[in-house]
Amino acid sequence: TLVHTSLWGLVVTQFLFVSFSEFLEVQVSLFILVLVLYLITLVGNVVIITITVVDPALGFPLYFFLRNLSFLEIGYTSSTIPKMLVNFLSKDKSISFLGCATQMYFFTFLGITECCLLAAMAYDRYVAICHPLRYRAMMSRSVCLQLSAVSWLIGLLVALGQTTFIFILPFCGPNSLNHFFCDLPPLLKLACTDTYRNEISIYTICVLFIMVPFLLILVSYVRILYAILKIPSDTGRSKTFSTCSSHLIVVTLFYGSGIMTYLKPKSSYSLHIDKLLSLFYTVVSPMLNPLIYSLRNKEVKEALRRVIVRKIFI
């Protein structure tokens, strides 16, 4: 049953995802599109992880963080897309209360971790460009491990607190989620109580763990841009900027869609627009990341070529 009766009245035991469209053709088309993008995401990130592990030339801190990012993207997409694909074709679009909490936890955990990891990568690029002679000392193996561990720990703890804070709310019906997955805004709309404190909590989390890392990234790139402008030759400036352009594009895609979704005024909230934005940052953006890093990074392309040559001729 979707609800049961307790001492507190009706309590939701399952949530129902609302179909994106009533037409089966549209649902099938979405299934095929999302499945293809998901497979590209998995293959692309597995390739990035593989070449940064097996190729000794990619031993720099940047590629350690890139490997973390690819591993994170695999988990990030896998926390929502498989269930999304099932819902596109299945008549039963329900998810259990515990399943919804688990999905939201991992989505939040990996999303917050990515914010922190992108900030760590921006710091790596700042050190590489602004302090090249001290790069090895400032970005030692222990420093990289610490930055990565802190990023994952922050995501884990924030997601645990936020998920607990949401799912202790009473849900007594309706139980229809007008969304692709268990996300914060549509879940809050279903709570049978005042959610003002939860909304304040979400905005606080967004400011501390989305906007603060974003500001750190901005500060890093302001310093990077200042250092690049001091380089006398156009070739030198172009070559130096190319080392961080991939990261800058990934940051723009990730933060642009995230800020538009979670920090826009409540008065401008639209379920349909929010669903499209969610589809972008859960499916499209993770698919683009490995493509951006592989197509715009000479070292990654060279490493991929070397791995392919070794597999063919050895």
C-alpha atoms as a PDB file:
ATOM      1  CA  THR A   1       0.000   0.000   0.000  1.00  0.00           C
ATOM      2  CA  LEU A   2       1.096   3.560  -0.598  1.00  0.00           C
ATOM      3  CA  VAL A   3       0.004   4.783   2.839  1.00  0.00           C
ATOM      4  CA  HIS A   4      -0.759   3.160   6.145  1.00  0.00           C
ATOM      5  CA  THR A   5      -2.511   4.325   9.265  1.00  0.00           C
ATOM      6  CA  SER A   6      -0.573   4.925  12.444  1.00  0.00           C
ATOM      7  CA  LEU A   7      -1.092   6.777  15.731  1.00  0.00           C
ATOM      8  CA  TRP A   8      -0.218   9.966  13.816  1.00  0.00           C
ATOM      9  CA  GLY A   9      -2.731   9.367  11.011  1.00  0.00           C
ATOM     10  CA  LEU A  10      -1.946   8.419   7.417  1.00  0.00           C
ATOM     11  CA  VAL A  11       1.755   7.895   6.743  1.00  0.00           C
ATOM     12  CA  VAL A  12       3.222   7.612   3.250  1.00  0.00           C
ATOM     13  CA  THR A  13       5.175   4.396   2.676  1.00  0.00           C
ATOM     14  CA  GLN A  14       5.834   4.940  -1.037  1.00  0.00           C
ATOM     15  CA  PHE A  15       6.154   7.821  -3.472  1.00  0.00           C
ATOM     16  CA  LEU A  16       4.926   7.841  -7.075  1.00  0.00           C
ATOM     17  CA  PHE A  17       6.894   9.537  -9.854  1.00  0.00           C
ATOM     18  CA  VAL A  18       4.739  11.501 -12.286  1.00  0.00           C
ATOM     19  CA  SER A  19       5.371  10.651 -15.956  1.00  0.00           C
ATOM     20  CA  PHE A  20       7.069  13.308 -18.054  1.00  0.00           C
ATOM     21  CA  SER A  21       4.467  12.689 -20.748  1.00  0.00           C
ATOM     22  CA  GLU A  22       1.263  10.691 -21.123  1.00  0.00           C
ATOM     23  CA  PHE A  23       2.342   9.486 -24.567  1.00  0.00           C
ATOM     24  CA  LEU A  24       4.218   6.184 -24.710  1.00  0.00           C
ATOM     25  CA  GLU A  25       6.214   7.324 -27.744  1.00  0.00           C
ATOM     26  CA  VAL A  26       7.650  10.229 -25.781  1.00  0.00           C
ATOM     27  CA  GLN A  27       8.510   7.961 -22.844  1.00  0.00           C
ATOM     28  CA  VAL A  28      10.256   5.461 -25.139  1.00  0.00           C
ATOM     29  CA  SER A  29      12.185   8.269 -26.856  1.00  0.00           C
ATOM     30  CA  LEU A  30      13.318   9.603 -23.477  1.00  0.00           C
ATOM     31  CA  PHE A  31      14.322   6.098 -22.408  1.00  0.00           C
ATOM     32  CA  ILE A  32      16.520   5.642 -25.480  1.00  0.00           C
ATOM     33  CA  LEU A  33      18.045   9.121 -25.191  1.00  0.00           C
ATOM     34  CA  VAL A  34      18.836   8.847 -21.477  1.00  0.00           C
ATOM     35  CA  LEU A  35      20.146   5.287 -21.855  1.00  0.00           C
ATOM     36  CA  VAL A  36      22.550   6.335 -24.625  1.00  0.00           C
ATOM     37  CA  LEU A  37      23.782   9.335 -22.619  1.00  0.00           C
ATOM     38  CA  TYR A  38      24.189   7.157 -19.519  1.00  0.00           C
ATOM     39  CA  LEU A  39      26.245   4.562 -21.402  1.00  0.00           C
ATOM     40  CA  ILE A  40      28.436   7.316 -22.866  1.00  0.00           C
ATOM     41  CA  THR A  41      28.919   8.675 -19.338  1.00  0.00           C
ATOM     42  CA  LEU A  42      29.941   5.278 -17.968  1.00  0.00           C
ATOM     43  CA  VAL A  43      32.305   4.472 -20.836  1.00  0.00           C
ATOM     44  CA  GLY A  44      33.860   7.944 -20.862  1.00  0.00           C
ATOM     45  CA  ASN A  45      34.540   8.010 -17.133  1.00  0.00           C
ATOM     46  CA  VAL A  46      35.828   4.427 -17.064  1.00  0.00           C
ATOM     47  CA  VAL A  47      38.251   5.373 -19.861  1.00  0.00           C
ATOM     48  CA  ILE A  48      39.444   8.434 -17.881  1.00  0.00           C
ATOM     49  CA  ILE A  49      39.964   6.334 -14.743  1.00  0.00           C
ATOM     50  CA  THR A  50      41.795   3.634 -16.692  1.00  0.00           C
ATOM     51  CA  ILE A  51      44.252   5.885 -18.527  1.00  0.00           C
ATOM     52  CA  THR A  52      45.051   7.956 -15.415  1.00  0.00           C
ATOM     53  CA  VAL A  53      45.833   4.715 -13.547  1.00  0.00           C
ATOM     54  CA  VAL A  54      47.839   2.812 -16.175  1.00  0.00           C
ATOM     55  CA  ASP A  55      49.730   5.670 -17.828  1.00  0.00           C
ATOM     56  CA  PRO A  56      52.661   6.859 -15.661  1.00  0.00           C
ATOM     57  CA  ALA A  57      52.825  10.155 -17.564  1.00  0.00           C
ATOM     58  CA  LEU A  58      49.536  11.188 -15.951  1.00  0.00           C
ATOM     59  CA  GLY A  59      50.909  11.153 -12.433  1.00  0.00           C
ATOM     60  CA  PHE A  60      50.342  14.840 -11.815  1.00  0.00           C
ATOM     61  CA  PRO A  61      47.926  15.959  -9.073  1.00  0.00           C
ATOM     62  CA  LEU A  62      45.484  17.243 -11.709  1.00  0.00           C
ATOM     63  CA  TYR A  63      44.884  13.699 -12.950  1.00  0.00           C
ATOM     64  CA  PHE A  64      44.536  12.347  -9.421  1.00  0.00           C
ATOM     65  CA  PHE A  65      41.630  14.774  -8.949  1.00  0.00           C
ATOM     66  CA  LEU A  66      40.307  13.972 -12.422  1.00  0.00           C
ATOM     67  CA  ARG A  67      40.249  10.271 -11.506  1.00  0.00           C
ATOM     68  CA  ASN A  68      38.288  11.131  -8.349  1.00  0.00           C
ATOM     69  CA  LEU A  69      35.885  13.236 -10.405  1.00  0.00           C
ATOM     70  CA  SER A  70      35.269  10.427 -12.909  1.00  0.00           C
ATOM     71  CA  PHE A  71      34.633   7.899 -10.128  1.00  0.00           C
ATOM     72  CA  LEU A  72      32.269  10.383  -8.522  1.00  0.00           C
ATOM     73  CA  GLU A  73      30.389  10.992 -11.795  1.00  0.00           C
ATOM     74  CA  ILE A  74      29.766   7.256 -12.210  1.00  0.00           C
ATOM     75  CA  GLY A  75      28.175   7.088  -8.752  1.00  0.00           C
ATOM     76  CA  TYR A  76      26.359  10.412  -9.208  1.00  0.00           C
ATOM     77  CA  THR A  77      24.579   9.298 -12.383  1.00  0.00           C
ATOM     78  CA  SER A  78      24.008   5.747 -11.148  1.00  0.00           C
ATOM     79  CA  SER A  79      22.160   7.026  -8.077  1.00  0.00           C
ATOM     80  CA  THR A  80      19.279   8.313 -10.221  1.00  0.00           C
ATOM     81  CA  ILE A  81      19.395   7.201 -13.869  1.00  0.00           C
ATOM     82  CA  PRO A  82      18.723   3.417 -13.537  1.00  0.00           C
ATOM     83  CA  LYS A  83      15.487   4.065 -11.620  1.00  0.00           C
ATOM     84  CA  MET A  84      14.642   6.854 -14.070  1.00  0.00           C
ATOM     85  CA  LEU A  85      15.030   4.453 -17.001  1.00  0.00           C
ATOM     86  CA  VAL A  86      12.766   1.859 -15.348  1.00  0.00           C
ATOM     87  CA  ASN A  87      10.098   4.513 -14.736  1.00  0.00           C
ATOM     88  CA  PHE A  88      10.076   5.586 -18.382  1.00  0.00           C
ATOM     89  CA  LEU A  89       8.761   2.173 -19.475  1.00  0.00           C
ATOM     90  CA  SER A  90       7.151   0.693 -16.366  1.00  0.00           C
ATOM     91  CA  LYS A  91       3.570   1.196 -15.252  1.00  0.00           C
ATOM     92  CA  ASP A  92       4.706   0.917 -11.644  1.00  0.00           C
ATOM     93  CA  LYS A  93       6.513   4.206 -11.029  1.00  0.00           C
ATOM     94  CA  SER A  94       6.662   3.874  -7.253  1.00  0.00           C
ATOM     95  CA  ILE A  95       9.664   4.056  -4.952  1.00  0.00           C
ATOM     96  CA  SER A  96       9.654   3.035  -1.299  1.00  0.00           C
ATOM     97  CA  PHE A  97      10.103   5.575   1.476  1.00  0.00           C
ATOM     98  CA  LEU A  98      13.514   4.082   2.342  1.00  0.00           C
ATOM     99  CA  GLY A  99      14.462   3.844  -1.338  1.00  0.00           C
ATOM    100  CA  CYS A 100      13.640   7.514  -1.826  1.00  0.00           C
ATOM    101  CA  ALA A 101      15.717   8.487   1.213  1.00  0.00           C
ATOM    102  CA  THR A 102      18.636   6.375  -0.036  1.00  0.00           C
ATOM    103  CA  GLN A 103      18.466   7.884  -3.509  1.00  0.00           C
ATOM    104  CA  MET A 104      18.397  11.429  -2.162  1.00  0.00           C
ATOM    105  CA  TYR A 105      21.266  10.694   0.215  1.00  0.00           C
ATOM    106  CA  PHE A 106      23.635   9.451  -2.480  1.00  0.00           C
ATOM    107  CA  PHE A 107      22.619  12.173  -4.929  1.00  0.00           C
ATOM    108  CA  THR A 108      23.255  14.883  -2.310  1.00  0.00           C
ATOM    109  CA  PHE A 109      26.435  13.203  -1.044  1.00  0.00           C
ATOM    110  CA  LEU A 110      28.019  12.985  -4.491  1.00  0.00           C
ATOM    111  CA  GLY A 111      26.762  16.419  -5.590  1.00  0.00           C
ATOM    112  CA  ILE A 112      28.255  18.214  -2.565  1.00  0.00           C
ATOM    113  CA  THR A 113      31.476  16.213  -2.939  1.00  0.00           C
ATOM    114  CA  GLU A 114      31.752  17.330  -6.558  1.00  0.00           C
ATOM    115  CA  CYS A 115      31.431  20.994  -5.525  1.00  0.00           C
ATOM    116  CA  CYS A 116      34.327  20.600  -3.090  1.00  0.00           C
ATOM    117  CA  LEU A 117      36.388  18.537  -5.535  1.00  0.00           C
ATOM    118  CA  LEU A 118      36.016  21.150  -8.276  1.00  0.00           C
ATOM    119  CA  ALA A 119      37.286  23.758  -5.789  1.00  0.00           C
ATOM    120  CA  ALA A 120      40.301  21.541  -5.011  1.00  0.00           C
ATOM    121  CA  MET A 121      40.990  21.223  -8.753  1.00  0.00           C
ATOM    122  CA  ALA A 122      40.799  25.008  -9.135  1.00  0.00           C
ATOM    123  CA  TYR A 123      43.355  25.369  -6.320  1.00  0.00           C
ATOM    124  CA  ASP A 124      45.594  22.864  -8.119  1.00  0.00           C
ATOM    125  CA  ARG A 125      45.456  24.971 -11.311  1.00  0.00           C
ATOM    126  CA  TYR A 126      46.153  28.139  -9.293  1.00  0.00           C
ATOM    127  CA  VAL A 127      49.272  26.619  -7.744  1.00  0.00           C
ATOM    128  CA  ALA A 128      50.452  25.203 -11.094  1.00  0.00           C
ATOM    129  CA  ILE A 129      50.174  28.566 -12.876  1.00  0.00           C
ATOM    130  CA  CYS A 130      50.916  31.086 -10.131  1.00  0.00           C
ATOM    131  CA  HIS A 131      53.565  29.088  -8.202  1.00  0.00           C
ATOM    132  CA  PRO A 132      55.074  26.693 -10.780  1.00  0.00           C
ATOM    133  CA  LEU A 133      58.419  26.333  -8.985  1.00  0.00           C
ATOM    134  CA  ARG A 134      56.711  25.291  -5.751  1.00  0.00           C
ATOM    135  CA  TYR A 135      54.033  23.162  -7.413  1.00  0.00           C
ATOM    136  CA  ARG A 136      55.452  19.767  -6.416  1.00  0.00           C
ATOM    137  CA  ALA A 137      55.912  20.834  -2.801  1.00  0.00           C
ATOM    138  CA  MET A 138      52.539  22.590  -2.440  1.00  0.00           C
ATOM    139  CA  MET A 139      50.605  19.823  -4.221  1.00  0.00           C
ATOM    140  CA  SER A 140      52.373  16.817  -2.750  1.00  0.00           C
ATOM    141  CA  ARG A 141      50.735  13.407  -2.624  1.00  0.00           C
ATOM    142  CA  SER A 142      49.695  13.912   1.002  1.00  0.00           C
ATOM    143  CA  VAL A 143      48.121  17.308   0.247  1.00  0.00           C
ATOM    144  CA  CYS A 144      46.145  15.838  -2.676  1.00  0.00           C
ATOM    145  CA  LEU A 145      44.933  12.950  -0.527  1.00  0.00           C
ATOM    146  CA  GLN A 146      43.882  15.348   2.237  1.00  0.00           C
ATOM    147  CA  LEU A 147      41.977  17.636  -0.161  1.00  0.00           C
ATOM    148  CA  SER A 148      40.238  14.637  -1.710  1.00  0.00           C
ATOM    149  CA  ALA A 149      39.401  13.062   1.660  1.00  0.00           C
ATOM    150  CA  VAL A 150      37.990  16.336   3.021  1.00  0.00           C
ATOM    151  CA  SER A 151      35.813  16.734  -0.095  1.00  0.00           C
ATOM    152  CA  TRP A 152      34.339  13.237   0.292  1.00  0.00           C
ATOM    153  CA  LEU A 153      33.897  13.637   4.064  1.00  0.00           C
ATOM    154  CA  ILE A 154      32.062  16.959   3.704  1.00  0.00           C
ATOM    155  CA  GLY A 155      29.709  15.422   1.143  1.00  0.00           C
ATOM    156  CA  LEU A 156      29.065  12.395   3.352  1.00  0.00           C
ATOM    157  CA  LEU A 157      28.263  14.401   6.488  1.00  0.00           C
ATOM    158  CA  VAL A 158      26.185  17.108   4.779  1.00  0.00           C
ATOM    159  CA  ALA A 159      24.103  14.519   2.913  1.00  0.00           C
ATOM    160  CA  LEU A 160      23.525  12.510   6.088  1.00  0.00           C
ATOM    161  CA  GLY A 161      22.303  15.565   7.994  1.00  0.00           C
ATOM    162  CA  GLN A 162      20.186  16.932   5.143  1.00  0.00           C
ATOM    163  CA  THR A 163      18.548  13.596   4.319  1.00  0.00           C
ATOM    164  CA  THR A 164      17.727  12.942   7.983  1.00  0.00           C
ATOM    165  CA  PHE A 165      16.297  16.457   8.363  1.00  0.00           C
ATOM    166  CA  ILE A 166      14.002  15.917   5.355  1.00  0.00           C
ATOM    167  CA  PHE A 167      12.798  12.387   6.103  1.00  0.00           C
ATOM    168  CA  ILE A 168      11.859  13.000   9.738  1.00  0.00           C
ATOM    169  CA  LEU A 169       9.115  15.265   8.373  1.00  0.00           C
ATOM    170  CA  PRO A 170       5.596  13.801   8.346  1.00  0.00           C
ATOM    171  CA  PHE A 171       4.424  12.697   4.881  1.00  0.00           C
ATOM    172  CA  CYS A 172       0.714  11.875   4.999  1.00  0.00           C
ATOM    173  CA  GLY A 173      -0.301  12.357   1.363  1.00  0.00           C
ATOM    174  CA  PRO A 174      -0.442  13.220  -1.468  1.00  0.00           C
ATOM    175  CA  ASN A 175       2.549  11.121  -2.478  1.00  0.00           C
ATOM    176  CA  SER A 176       3.022  12.001  -6.188  1.00  0.00           C
ATOM    177  CA  LEU A 177       6.489  13.358  -6.996  1.00  0.00           C
ATOM    178  CA  ASN A 178       6.419  15.517 -10.119  1.00  0.00           C
ATOM    179  CA  HIS A 179      10.063  14.756 -10.825  1.00  0.00           C
ATOM    180  CA  PHE A 180      12.506  12.178 -12.214  1.00  0.00           C
ATOM    181  CA  PHE A 181      14.020  11.296  -8.835  1.00  0.00           C
ATOM    182  CA  CYS A 182      13.793  12.080  -5.109  1.00  0.00           C
ATOM    183  CA  ASP A 183      15.063  15.646  -5.040  1.00  0.00           C
ATOM    184  CA  LEU A 184      14.739  18.228  -2.272  1.00  0.00           C
ATOM    185  CA  PRO A 185      12.244  20.815  -3.655  1.00  0.00           C
ATOM    186  CA  PRO A 186       9.504  18.394  -4.823  1.00  0.00           C
ATOM    187  CA  LEU A 187       9.800  16.327  -1.624  1.00  0.00           C
ATOM    188  CA  LEU A 188       9.346  19.387   0.579  1.00  0.00           C
ATOM    189  CA  LYS A 189       6.120  20.202  -1.261  1.00  0.00           C
ATOM    190  CA  LEU A 190       4.681  16.857  -0.090  1.00  0.00           C
ATOM    191  CA  ALA A 191       5.428  17.302   3.612  1.00  0.00           C
ATOM    192  CA  CYS A 192       2.360  17.698   5.864  1.00  0.00           C
ATOM    193  CA  THR A 193       3.888  20.439   7.978  1.00  0.00           C
ATOM    194  CA  ASP A 194       5.539  23.825   7.769  1.00  0.00           C
ATOM    195  CA  THR A 195       8.896  23.369   5.963  1.00  0.00           C
ATOM    196  CA  TYR A 196      10.311  26.838   6.607  1.00  0.00           C
ATOM    197  CA  ARG A 197      13.205  25.518   8.720  1.00  0.00           C
ATOM    198  CA  ASN A 198      14.026  22.936   6.073  1.00  0.00           C
ATOM    199  CA  GLU A 199      14.040  25.603   3.365  1.00  0.00           C
ATOM    200  CA  ILE A 200      16.391  27.734   5.457  1.00  0.00           C
ATOM    201  CA  SER A 201      18.578  24.663   5.988  1.00  0.00           C
ATOM    202  CA  ILE A 202      18.723  23.984   2.238  1.00  0.00           C
ATOM    203  CA  TYR A 203      19.685  27.575   1.445  1.00  0.00           C
ATOM    204  CA  THR A 204      22.320  27.517   4.200  1.00  0.00           C
ATOM    205  CA  ILE A 205      23.788  24.286   2.814  1.00  0.00           C
ATOM    206  CA  CYS A 206      23.750  25.770  -0.690  1.00  0.00           C
ATOM    207  CA  VAL A 207      25.580  28.887   0.460  1.00  0.00           C
ATOM    208  CA  LEU A 208      28.173  27.037   2.548  1.00  0.00           C
ATOM    209  CA  PHE A 209      28.890  24.039   0.346  1.00  0.00           C
ATOM    210  CA  ILE A 210      27.948  25.226  -3.136  1.00  0.00           C
ATOM    211  CA  MET A 211      28.528  28.980  -3.178  1.00  0.00           C
ATOM    212  CA  VAL A 212      31.635  29.045  -0.944  1.00  0.00           C
ATOM    213  CA  PRO A 213      33.480  26.488  -3.135  1.00  0.00           C
ATOM    214  CA  PHE A 214      32.251  28.458  -6.166  1.00  0.00           C
ATOM    215  CA  LEU A 215      33.689  31.678  -4.717  1.00  0.00           C
ATOM    216  CA  LEU A 216      36.986  29.896  -4.030  1.00  0.00           C
ATOM    217  CA  ILE A 217      37.008  28.801  -7.674  1.00  0.00           C
ATOM    218  CA  LEU A 218      36.339  32.392  -8.786  1.00  0.00           C
ATOM    219  CA  VAL A 219      39.160  33.731  -6.606  1.00  0.00           C
ATOM    220  CA  SER A 220      41.520  31.081  -7.991  1.00  0.00           C
ATOM    221  CA  TYR A 221      40.675  32.015 -11.568  1.00  0.00           C
ATOM    222  CA  VAL A 222      40.994  35.735 -10.918  1.00  0.00           C
ATOM    223  CA  ARG A 223      44.540  35.056  -9.705  1.00  0.00           C
ATOM    224  CA  ILE A 224      45.149  32.708 -12.635  1.00  0.00           C
ATOM    225  CA  LEU A 225      43.896  35.290 -15.145  1.00  0.00           C
ATOM    226  CA  TYR A 226      46.099  37.962 -13.575  1.00  0.00           C
ATOM    227  CA  ALA A 227      49.136  35.655 -13.865  1.00  0.00           C
ATOM    228  CA  ILE A 228      48.298  34.756 -17.480  1.00  0.00           C
ATOM    229  CA  LEU A 229      47.973  38.415 -18.505  1.00  0.00           C
ATOM    230  CA  LYS A 230      51.525  39.024 -17.245  1.00  0.00           C
ATOM    231  CA  ILE A 231      52.912  36.471 -19.738  1.00  0.00           C
ATOM    232  CA  PRO A 232      54.488  38.500 -22.591  1.00  0.00           C
ATOM    233  CA  SER A 233      53.740  36.245 -25.578  1.00  0.00           C
ATOM    234  CA  ASP A 234      50.313  35.361 -27.006  1.00  0.00           C
ATOM    235  CA  THR A 235      51.457  31.767 -27.486  1.00  0.00           C
ATOM    236  CA  GLY A 236      52.492  31.502 -23.849  1.00  0.00           C
ATOM    237  CA  ARG A 237      49.202  32.960 -22.644  1.00  0.00           C
ATOM    238  CA  SER A 238      47.180  30.604 -24.865  1.00  0.00           C
ATOM    239  CA  LYS A 239      49.189  27.544 -23.812  1.00  0.00           C
ATOM    240  CA  THR A 240      48.900  28.384 -20.127  1.00  0.00           C
ATOM    241  CA  PHE A 241      45.157  29.068 -20.285  1.00  0.00           C
ATOM    242  CA  SER A 242      44.572  25.782 -22.143  1.00  0.00           C
ATOM    243  CA  THR A 243      45.752  23.882 -19.047  1.00  0.00           C
ATOM    244  CA  CYS A 244      42.708  25.055 -17.094  1.00  0.00           C
ATOM    245  CA  SER A 245      40.083  25.654 -19.804  1.00  0.00           C
ATOM    246  CA  SER A 246      38.603  22.135 -19.476  1.00  0.00           C
ATOM    247  CA  HIS A 247      38.094  22.565 -15.747  1.00  0.00           C
ATOM    248  CA  LEU A 248      36.541  25.991 -16.282  1.00  0.00           C
ATOM    249  CA  ILE A 249      33.985  24.587 -18.755  1.00  0.00           C
ATOM    250  CA  VAL A 250      33.060  21.740 -16.372  1.00  0.00           C
ATOM    251  CA  VAL A 251      32.622  24.222 -13.508  1.00  0.00           C
ATOM    252  CA  THR A 252      30.379  26.424 -15.659  1.00  0.00           C
ATOM    253  CA  LEU A 253      28.148  23.495 -16.651  1.00  0.00           C
ATOM    254  CA  PHE A 254      27.877  22.043 -13.158  1.00  0.00           C
ATOM    255  CA  TYR A 255      27.422  25.248 -11.174  1.00  0.00           C
ATOM    256  CA  GLY A 256      25.275  26.969 -13.787  1.00  0.00           C
ATOM    257  CA  SER A 257      22.563  24.298 -13.706  1.00  0.00           C
ATOM    258  CA  GLY A 258      22.887  23.759  -9.934  1.00  0.00           C
ATOM    259  CA  ILE A 259      22.547  27.442  -9.024  1.00  0.00           C
ATOM    260  CA  MET A 260      19.574  27.893 -11.371  1.00  0.00           C
ATOM    261  CA  THR A 261      17.832  24.946  -9.719  1.00  0.00           C
ATOM    262  CA  TYR A 262      18.522  25.370  -6.002  1.00  0.00           C
ATOM    263  CA  LEU A 263      19.167  29.097  -5.494  1.00  0.00           C
ATOM    264  CA  LYS A 264      16.500  30.648  -7.689  1.00  0.00           C
ATOM    265  CA  PRO A 265      13.681  32.557  -5.918  1.00  0.00           C
ATOM    266  CA  LYS A 266      10.768  30.430  -4.792  1.00  0.00           C
ATOM    267  CA  SER A 267       8.372  32.660  -6.752  1.00  0.00           C
ATOM    268  CA  SER A 268      10.031  31.568 -10.013  1.00  0.00           C
ATOM    269  CA  TYR A 269       9.762  27.867  -9.167  1.00  0.00           C
ATOM    270  CA  SER A 270       8.402  25.845 -12.082  1.00  0.00           C
ATOM    271  CA  LEU A 271       8.107  22.072 -11.951  1.00  0.00           C
ATOM    272  CA  HIS A 272       8.523  21.639 -15.696  1.00  0.00           C
ATOM    273  CA  ILE A 273      11.573  23.907 -15.930  1.00  0.00           C
ATOM    274  CA  ASP A 274      13.046  22.310 -12.821  1.00  0.00           C
ATOM    275  CA  LYS A 275      12.611  18.836 -14.322  1.00  0.00           C
ATOM    276  CA  LEU A 276      14.420  19.902 -17.498  1.00  0.00           C
ATOM    277  CA  LEU A 277      17.259  21.449 -15.474  1.00  0.00           C
ATOM    278  CA  SER A 278      17.454  18.291 -13.380  1.00  0.00           C
ATOM    279  CA  LEU A 279      17.653  16.199 -16.536  1.00  0.00           C
ATOM    280  CA  PHE A 280      20.563  18.383 -17.654  1.00  0.00           C
ATOM    281  CA  TYR A 281      22.675  18.230 -14.501  1.00  0.00           C
ATOM    282  CA  THR A 282      21.975  14.559 -13.799  1.00  0.00           C
ATOM    283  CA  VAL A 283      22.363  13.220 -17.356  1.00  0.00           C
ATOM    284  CA  VAL A 284      23.867  15.692 -19.834  1.00  0.00           C
ATOM    285  CA  SER A 285      26.519  17.438 -17.727  1.00  0.00           C
ATOM    286  CA  PRO A 286      28.149  14.213 -16.398  1.00  0.00           C
ATOM    287  CA  MET A 287      28.220  12.869 -19.963  1.00  0.00           C
ATOM    288  CA  LEU A 288      30.013  15.972 -21.237  1.00  0.00           C
ATOM    289  CA  ASN A 289      32.719  16.030 -18.541  1.00  0.00           C
ATOM    290  CA  PRO A 290      34.894  13.123 -19.780  1.00  0.00           C
ATOM    291  CA  LEU A 291      34.429  14.321 -23.359  1.00  0.00           C
ATOM    292  CA  ILE A 292      35.595  17.809 -22.404  1.00  0.00           C
ATOM    293  CA  TYR A 293      38.671  16.528 -20.590  1.00  0.00           C
ATOM    294  CA  SER A 294      39.581  14.031 -23.312  1.00  0.00           C
ATOM    295  CA  LEU A 295      38.996  16.309 -26.307  1.00  0.00           C
ATOM    296  CA  ARG A 296      40.541  19.499 -24.883  1.00  0.00           C
ATOM    297  CA  ASN A 297      43.499  18.016 -23.019  1.00  0.00           C
ATOM    298  CA  LYS A 298      46.548  17.042 -25.103  1.00  0.00           C
ATOM    299  CA  GLU A 299      48.066  14.915 -22.343  1.00  0.00           C
ATOM    300  CA  VAL A 300      44.866  12.889 -21.917  1.00  0.00           C
ATOM    301  CA  LYS A 301      44.569  12.385 -25.688  1.00  0.00           C
ATOM    302  CA  GLU A 302      48.207  11.305 -25.911  1.00  0.00           C
ATOM    303  CA  ALA A 303      47.783   8.914 -22.980  1.00  0.00           C
ATOM    304  CA  LEU A 304      44.674   7.427 -24.597  1.00  0.00           C
ATOM    305  CA  ARG A 305      46.586   6.937 -27.851  1.00  0.00           C
ATOM    306  CA  ARG A 306      49.454   5.234 -26.003  1.00  0.00           C
ATOM    307  CA  VAL A 307      47.076   2.883 -24.165  1.00  0.00           C
ATOM    308  CA  ILE A 308      45.311   1.942 -27.423  1.00  0.00           C
ATOM    309  CA  VAL A 309      48.640   1.340 -29.194  1.00  0.00           C
ATOM    310  CA  ARG A 310      49.867  -0.873 -26.347  1.00  0.00           C
ATOM    311  CA  LYS A 311      46.651  -2.926 -26.392  1.00  0.00           C
ATOM    312  CA  ILE A 312      46.884  -3.435 -30.159  1.00  0.00           C
ATOM    313  CA  PHE A 313      50.600  -4.129 -30.602  1.00  0.00           C
ATOM    314  CA  ILE A 314      51.609  -5.717 -27.314  1.00  0.00           C
END
